[in-house]
PDB file of all heavy atoms in Angstrom:
ATOM      1  N   VAL A   1      11.862   3.516  -6.847  1.00  0.00           N
ATOM      2  CA  VAL A   1      11.368   4.653  -6.110  1.00  0.00           C
ATOM      3  C   VAL A   1       9.827   4.531  -6.061  1.00  0.00           C
ATOM      4  O   VAL A   1       9.195   4.711  -4.962  1.00  0.00           O
ATOM      5  CB  VAL A   1      11.795   5.996  -6.628  1.00  0.00           C
ATOM      6  CG1 VAL A   1      11.216   7.135  -5.954  1.00  0.00           C
ATOM      7  CG2 VAL A   1      13.372   6.049  -6.520  1.00  0.00           C
ATOM      8  N   ALA A   2       9.214   4.175  -7.176  1.00  0.00           N
ATOM      9  CA  ALA A   2       7.757   4.044  -7.187  1.00  0.00           C
ATOM     10  C   ALA A   2       7.317   2.926  -6.302  1.00  0.00           C
ATOM     11  O   ALA A   2       6.316   3.115  -5.664  1.00  0.00           O
ATOM     12  CB  ALA A   2       7.303   3.827  -8.628  1.00  0.00           C
ATOM     13  N   ALA A   3       8.027   1.796  -6.282  1.00  0.00           N
ATOM     14  CA  ALA A   3       7.575   0.746  -5.433  1.00  0.00           C
ATOM     15  C   ALA A   3       7.638   1.142  -4.047  1.00  0.00           C
ATOM     16  O   ALA A   3       6.691   0.736  -3.228  1.00  0.00           O
ATOM     17  CB  ALA A   3       8.478  -0.450  -5.740  1.00  0.00           C
ATOM     18  N   ARG A   4       8.654   1.786  -3.536  1.00  0.00           N
ATOM     19  CA  ARG A   4       8.731   2.197  -2.185  1.00  0.00           C
ATOM     20  C   ARG A   4       7.629   3.213  -1.847  1.00  0.00           C
ATOM     21  O   ARG A   4       7.094   3.102  -0.694  1.00  0.00           O
ATOM     22  CB  ARG A   4      10.152   2.896  -1.822  1.00  0.00           C
ATOM     23  CG  ARG A   4      11.171   1.842  -1.609  1.00  0.00           C
ATOM     24  CD  ARG A   4      12.355   2.442  -0.766  1.00  0.00           C
ATOM     25  NE  ARG A   4      12.792   3.686  -1.194  1.00  0.00           N
ATOM     26  CZ  ARG A   4      13.618   3.995  -2.151  1.00  0.00           C
ATOM     27  NH1 ARG A   4      14.059   3.105  -2.900  1.00  0.00           N
ATOM     28  NH2 ARG A   4      13.971   5.266  -2.402  1.00  0.00           N
ATOM     29  N   ALA A   5       7.327   4.088  -2.742  1.00  0.00           N
ATOM     30  CA  ALA A   5       6.191   5.073  -2.473  1.00  0.00           C
ATOM     31  C   ALA A   5       4.897   4.303  -2.371  1.00  0.00           C
ATOM     32  O   ALA A   5       4.068   4.597  -1.460  1.00  0.00           O
ATOM     33  CB  ALA A   5       6.104   6.047  -3.674  1.00  0.00           C
ATOM     34  N   VAL A   6       4.619   3.309  -3.178  1.00  0.00           N
ATOM     35  CA  VAL A   6       3.401   2.445  -3.043  1.00  0.00           C
ATOM     36  C   VAL A   6       3.361   1.727  -1.745  1.00  0.00           C
ATOM     37  O   VAL A   6       2.393   1.642  -1.050  1.00  0.00           O
ATOM     38  CB  VAL A   6       3.239   1.522  -4.259  1.00  0.00           C
ATOM     39  CG1 VAL A   6       2.065   0.493  -4.034  1.00  0.00           C
ATOM     40  CG2 VAL A   6       3.085   2.292  -5.503  1.00  0.00           C
ATOM     41  N   LYS A   7       4.618   1.218  -1.266  1.00  0.00           N
ATOM     42  CA  LYS A   7       4.660   0.606   0.003  1.00  0.00           C
ATOM     43  C   LYS A   7       4.311   1.467   1.106  1.00  0.00           C
ATOM     44  O   LYS A   7       3.545   1.033   2.026  1.00  0.00           O
ATOM     45  CB  LYS A   7       6.112  -0.033   0.194  1.00  0.00           C
ATOM     46  CG  LYS A   7       6.316  -0.458   1.615  1.00  0.00           C
ATOM     47  CD  LYS A   7       6.507  -2.060   1.598  1.00  0.00           C
ATOM     48  CE  LYS A   7       6.969  -2.569   2.953  1.00  0.00           C
ATOM     49  NZ  LYS A   7       6.001  -2.364   4.064  1.00  0.00           N
ATOM     50  N   GLN A   8       4.760   2.739   1.027  1.00  0.00           N
ATOM     51  CA  GLN A   8       4.360   3.698   2.049  1.00  0.00           C
ATOM     52  C   GLN A   8       2.831   3.920   2.144  1.00  0.00           C
ATOM     53  O   GLN A   8       2.259   3.959   3.109  1.00  0.00           O
ATOM     54  CB  GLN A   8       5.067   5.050   1.829  1.00  0.00           C
ATOM     55  CG  GLN A   8       6.412   5.108   2.205  1.00  0.00           C
ATOM     56  CD  GLN A   8       7.095   6.510   1.968  1.00  0.00           C
ATOM     57  OE1 GLN A   8       6.831   7.104   0.908  1.00  0.00           O
ATOM     58  NE2 GLN A   8       7.794   6.966   2.933  1.00  0.00           N
ATOM     59  N   ILE A   9       2.198   3.952   0.875  1.00  0.00           N
ATOM     60  CA  ILE A   9       0.784   4.163   0.877  1.00  0.00           C
ATOM     61  C   ILE A   9       0.080   2.940   1.456  1.00  0.00           C
ATOM     62  O   ILE A   9      -0.900   3.104   2.270  1.00  0.00           O
ATOM     63  CB  ILE A   9       0.335   4.316  -0.598  1.00  0.00           C
ATOM     64  CG1 ILE A   9       0.745   5.716  -1.122  1.00  0.00           C
ATOM     65  CG2 ILE A   9      -1.170   4.172  -0.721  1.00  0.00           C
ATOM     66  CD1 ILE A   9       0.639   6.001  -2.611  1.00  0.00           C
ATOM     67  N   ILE A  10       0.531   1.758   1.148  1.00  0.00           N
ATOM     68  CA  ILE A  10      -0.043   0.521   1.655  1.00  0.00           C
ATOM     69  C   ILE A  10       0.096   0.509   3.233  1.00  0.00           C
ATOM     70  O   ILE A  10      -0.867   0.220   3.916  1.00  0.00           O
ATOM     71  CB  ILE A  10       0.568  -0.706   1.033  1.00  0.00           C
ATOM     72  CG1 ILE A  10       0.201  -0.838  -0.435  1.00  0.00           C
ATOM     73  CG2 ILE A  10       0.229  -1.954   1.803  1.00  0.00           C
ATOM     74  CD1 ILE A  10       1.133  -1.848  -1.211  1.00  0.00           C
ATOM     75  N   ASP A  11       1.175   0.859   3.699  1.00  0.00           N
ATOM     76  CA  ASP A  11       1.474   0.841   5.138  1.00  0.00           C
ATOM     77  C   ASP A  11       0.607   1.974   5.783  1.00  0.00           C
ATOM     78  O   ASP A  11      -0.012   1.670   6.830  1.00  0.00           O
ATOM     79  CB  ASP A  11       2.928   1.112   5.465  1.00  0.00           C
ATOM     80  CG  ASP A  11       3.807  -0.099   5.094  1.00  0.00           C
ATOM     81  OD1 ASP A  11       3.266  -1.238   4.884  1.00  0.00           O
ATOM     82  OD2 ASP A  11       5.092   0.073   5.032  1.00  0.00           O
ATOM     83  N   ARG A  12       0.555   3.048   5.208  1.00  0.00           N
ATOM     84  CA  ARG A  12      -0.145   4.164   5.836  1.00  0.00           C
ATOM     85  C   ARG A  12      -1.668   4.109   5.806  1.00  0.00           C
ATOM     86  O   ARG A  12      -2.360   4.427   6.752  1.00  0.00           O
ATOM     87  CB  ARG A  12       0.294   5.457   5.133  1.00  0.00           C
ATOM     88  CG  ARG A  12      -0.152   6.728   5.727  1.00  0.00           C
ATOM     89  CD  ARG A  12       0.515   7.927   5.118  1.00  0.00           C
ATOM     90  NE  ARG A  12       0.109   9.143   5.821  1.00  0.00           N
ATOM     91  CZ  ARG A  12       0.495  10.338   5.418  1.00  0.00           C
ATOM     92  NH1 ARG A  12       1.182  10.461   4.374  1.00  0.00           N
ATOM     93  NH2 ARG A  12       0.047  11.351   6.015  1.00  0.00           N
ATOM     94  N   PHE A  13      -2.186   3.672   4.627  1.00  0.00           N
ATOM     95  CA  PHE A  13      -3.666   3.711   4.469  1.00  0.00           C
ATOM     96  C   PHE A  13      -4.287   2.335   4.439  1.00  0.00           C
ATOM     97  O   PHE A  13      -5.583   2.261   4.601  1.00  0.00           O
ATOM     98  CB  PHE A  13      -4.043   4.389   3.112  1.00  0.00           C
ATOM     99  CG  PHE A  13      -3.583   5.834   3.064  1.00  0.00           C
ATOM    100  CD1 PHE A  13      -2.510   6.202   2.351  1.00  0.00           C
ATOM    101  CD2 PHE A  13      -4.316   6.802   3.781  1.00  0.00           C
ATOM    102  CE1 PHE A  13      -2.169   7.566   2.290  1.00  0.00           C
ATOM    103  CE2 PHE A  13      -3.961   8.093   3.775  1.00  0.00           C
ATOM    104  CZ  PHE A  13      -2.829   8.525   3.034  1.00  0.00           C
ATOM    105  N   CYS A  14      -3.543   1.250   4.343  1.00  0.00           N
ATOM    106  CA  CYS A  14      -4.152  -0.030   4.208  1.00  0.00           C
ATOM    107  C   CYS A  14      -3.655  -0.958   5.298  1.00  0.00           C
ATOM    108  O   CYS A  14      -3.809  -2.248   5.144  1.00  0.00           O
ATOM    109  CB  CYS A  14      -3.871  -0.639   2.850  1.00  0.00           C
ATOM    110  SG  CYS A  14      -4.529   0.392   1.501  1.00  0.00           S
ATOM    111  N   GLY A  15      -3.053  -0.404   6.296  1.00  0.00           N
ATOM    112  CA  GLY A  15      -2.508  -1.323   7.429  1.00  0.00           C
ATOM    113  C   GLY A  15      -1.560  -2.354   6.904  1.00  0.00           C
ATOM    114  O   GLY A  15      -1.489  -3.420   7.500  1.00  0.00           O
ATOM    115  N   GLY A  16      -0.834  -2.016   5.801  1.00  0.00           N
ATOM    116  CA  GLY A  16       0.204  -2.971   5.273  1.00  0.00           C
ATOM    117  C   GLY A  16      -0.368  -4.070   4.416  1.00  0.00           C
ATOM    118  O   GLY A  16       0.335  -4.933   3.928  1.00  0.00           O
ATOM    119  N   SER A  17      -1.624  -4.068   4.134  1.00  0.00           N
ATOM    120  CA  SER A  17      -2.298  -5.082   3.307  1.00  0.00           C
ATOM    121  C   SER A  17      -2.338  -4.734   1.818  1.00  0.00           C
ATOM    122  O   SER A  17      -3.084  -3.793   1.392  1.00  0.00           O
ATOM    123  CB  SER A  17      -3.671  -5.321   3.794  1.00  0.00           C
ATOM    124  OG  SER A  17      -4.433  -6.101   2.933  1.00  0.00           O
ATOM    125  N   VAL A  18      -1.589  -5.429   1.037  1.00  0.00           N
ATOM    126  CA  VAL A  18      -1.593  -5.222  -0.367  1.00  0.00           C
ATOM    127  C   VAL A  18      -3.032  -5.616  -0.938  1.00  0.00           C
ATOM    128  O   VAL A  18      -3.511  -5.029  -1.843  1.00  0.00           O
ATOM    129  CB  VAL A  18      -0.515  -6.048  -1.028  1.00  0.00           C
ATOM    130  CG1 VAL A  18      -0.606  -6.058  -2.556  1.00  0.00           C
ATOM    131  CG2 VAL A  18       0.885  -5.717  -0.602  1.00  0.00           C
ATOM    132  N   GLU A  19      -3.601  -6.658  -0.382  1.00  0.00           N
ATOM    133  CA  GLU A  19      -4.919  -7.116  -0.816  1.00  0.00           C
ATOM    134  C   GLU A  19      -5.947  -5.981  -0.715  1.00  0.00           C
ATOM    135  O   GLU A  19      -6.717  -5.806  -1.559  1.00  0.00           O
ATOM    136  CB  GLU A  19      -5.327  -8.388   0.001  1.00  0.00           C
ATOM    137  CG  GLU A  19      -6.691  -8.881  -0.405  1.00  0.00           C
ATOM    138  CD  GLU A  19      -7.096 -10.034   0.371  1.00  0.00           C
ATOM    139  OE1 GLU A  19      -6.320 -10.668   1.198  1.00  0.00           O
ATOM    140  OE2 GLU A  19      -8.294 -10.456   0.292  1.00  0.00           O
ATOM    141  N   GLN A  20      -5.880  -5.258   0.486  1.00  0.00           N
ATOM    142  CA  GLN A  20      -6.737  -4.222   0.743  1.00  0.00           C
ATOM    143  C   GLN A  20      -6.659  -3.110  -0.319  1.00  0.00           C
ATOM    144  O   GLN A  20      -7.568  -2.589  -0.815  1.00  0.00           O
ATOM    145  CB  GLN A  20      -6.527  -3.645   2.109  1.00  0.00           C
ATOM    146  CG  GLN A  20      -7.641  -2.785   2.572  1.00  0.00           C
ATOM    147  CD  GLN A  20      -7.363  -2.292   4.013  1.00  0.00           C
ATOM    148  OE1 GLN A  20      -6.499  -1.588   4.316  1.00  0.00           O
ATOM    149  NE2 GLN A  20      -8.231  -2.827   4.983  1.00  0.00           N
ATOM    150  N   LEU A  21      -5.312  -2.836  -0.657  1.00  0.00           N
ATOM    151  CA  LEU A  21      -5.203  -1.815  -1.679  1.00  0.00           C
ATOM    152  C   LEU A  21      -5.705  -2.245  -3.050  1.00  0.00           C
ATOM    153  O   LEU A  21      -6.371  -1.455  -3.655  1.00  0.00           O
ATOM    154  CB  LEU A  21      -3.624  -1.551  -1.854  1.00  0.00           C
ATOM    155  CG  LEU A  21      -3.269  -0.630  -3.004  1.00  0.00           C
ATOM    156  CD1 LEU A  21      -3.584   0.814  -2.682  1.00  0.00           C
ATOM    157  CD2 LEU A  21      -1.758  -0.820  -3.439  1.00  0.00           C
ATOM    158  N   LEU A  22      -5.429  -3.473  -3.471  1.00  0.00           N
ATOM    159  CA  LEU A  22      -5.860  -3.965  -4.742  1.00  0.00           C
ATOM    160  C   LEU A  22      -7.413  -3.915  -4.758  1.00  0.00           C
ATOM    161  O   LEU A  22      -8.018  -3.646  -5.834  1.00  0.00           O
ATOM    162  CB  LEU A  22      -5.346  -5.341  -5.054  1.00  0.00           C
ATOM    163  CG  LEU A  22      -3.815  -5.344  -5.314  1.00  0.00           C
ATOM    164  CD1 LEU A  22      -3.314  -6.851  -5.503  1.00  0.00           C
ATOM    165  CD2 LEU A  22      -3.467  -4.528  -6.528  1.00  0.00           C
ATOM    166  N   VAL A  23      -8.022  -4.462  -3.691  1.00  0.00           N
ATOM    167  CA  VAL A  23      -9.541  -4.438  -3.705  1.00  0.00           C
ATOM    168  C   VAL A  23     -10.003  -3.012  -3.852  1.00  0.00           C
ATOM    169  O   VAL A  23     -11.034  -2.802  -4.558  1.00  0.00           O
ATOM    170  CB  VAL A  23     -10.082  -5.118  -2.360  1.00  0.00           C
ATOM    171  CG1 VAL A  23     -11.564  -4.874  -2.162  1.00  0.00           C
ATOM    172  CG2 VAL A  23      -9.787  -6.643  -2.357  1.00  0.00           C
ATOM    173  N   GLY A  24      -9.464  -2.098  -3.192  1.00  0.00           N
ATOM    174  CA  GLY A  24      -9.839  -0.678  -3.246  1.00  0.00           C
ATOM    175  C   GLY A  24      -9.689  -0.138  -4.730  1.00  0.00           C
ATOM    176  O   GLY A  24     -10.446   0.540  -5.268  1.00  0.00           O
TER     177      GLY A  24
END
C-alpha cells in the first residue's frame, strides 16, 4: 500500500520520475 502511495506521488508531482523524487 505504501509503495502504491509513493507511486501516486511520483506520478502526480514528479512527472513519473523516481530520480526527480530522490533528488528532491
